Amino acid sequence: MELDTYRDAIVKALLSAKDEKGQPKITEENALAAVKDFTDEELLDGMPFNSPEEVAEMILE
């Protein structure tokens, strides 16, 4: 998976996360900002070990 695809998949996973009432856990603006906090190097280092969904879960915690 390429870096841009990985980054987009993290944002998609963040936006699909819902709370117990079915409401989004994070806004698109906050999801994009959270993913931008990761450098390309950080994401590249984590890609072999963490799926986009796992990264999204870490961000939401």
Protein backbone atom coordinates (compact mmCIF):
# COMPACT_ATOMS: atom_id res chain seq x y z
CA MET A 1 0.00 0.00 0.00
CA GLU A 2 1.30 3.45 -0.86
CA LEU A 3 1.58 6.14 1.78
CA ASP A 4 -1.21 8.34 0.40
CA THR A 5 -3.53 5.34 0.18
CA TYR A 6 -2.64 4.36 3.76
CA ARG A 7 -3.25 7.91 5.01
CA ASP A 8 -6.62 8.05 3.18
CA ALA A 9 -7.61 4.69 4.66
CA ILE A 10 -6.90 5.99 8.17
CA VAL A 11 -9.13 9.02 7.55
CA LYS A 12 -11.86 6.75 6.15
CA ALA A 13 -11.64 4.50 9.22
CA LEU A 14 -11.82 7.53 11.52
CA LEU A 15 -14.88 8.88 9.75
CA SER A 16 -16.65 5.52 9.85
CA ALA A 17 -16.23 5.22 13.63
CA LYS A 18 -19.52 5.79 15.45
CA ASP A 19 -20.42 6.14 19.11
CA GLU A 20 -23.10 4.12 20.90
CA LYS A 21 -25.78 6.47 19.53
CA GLY A 22 -24.59 6.02 15.96
CA GLN A 23 -23.05 9.49 15.81
CA PRO A 24 -19.61 10.06 14.27
CA LYS A 25 -16.85 9.98 16.87
CA ILE A 26 -14.80 12.57 14.99
CA THR A 27 -15.41 15.32 12.47
CA GLU A 28 -13.79 15.26 9.06
CA GLU A 29 -11.78 18.35 9.98
CA ASN A 30 -10.45 16.70 13.15
CA ALA A 31 -9.76 13.42 11.35
CA LEU A 32 -7.69 15.16 8.70
CA ALA A 33 -5.83 17.17 11.35
CA ALA A 34 -5.10 14.05 13.40
CA VAL A 35 -3.64 12.23 10.42
CA LYS A 36 -1.55 15.26 9.45
CA ASP A 37 0.07 15.06 12.89
CA PHE A 38 1.88 11.92 11.72
CA THR A 39 4.98 12.46 9.63
CA ASP A 40 5.47 10.43 6.47
CA GLU A 41 8.33 8.62 8.22
CA GLU A 42 6.14 7.70 11.21
CA LEU A 43 3.47 6.29 8.95
CA LEU A 44 5.97 4.40 6.81
CA ASP A 45 7.51 2.88 9.94
CA GLY A 46 4.11 1.76 11.24
CA MET A 47 2.59 0.49 8.00
CA PRO A 48 4.00 -3.05 8.26
CA PHE A 49 2.66 -3.42 11.80
CA ASN A 50 -0.59 -1.43 12.01
CA SER A 51 -3.61 -1.51 9.73
CA PRO A 52 -5.32 1.81 8.99
CA GLU A 53 -8.14 0.70 11.30
CA GLU A 54 -5.69 0.09 14.14
CA VAL A 55 -4.15 3.52 13.68
CA ALA A 56 -7.64 5.05 13.69
CA GLU A 57 -8.43 3.26 16.95
CA MET A 58 -5.23 4.62 18.51
CA ILE A 59 -6.14 8.15 17.43
CA LEU A 60 -9.63 7.84 18.88
CA GLU A 61 -8.39 6.62 22.28
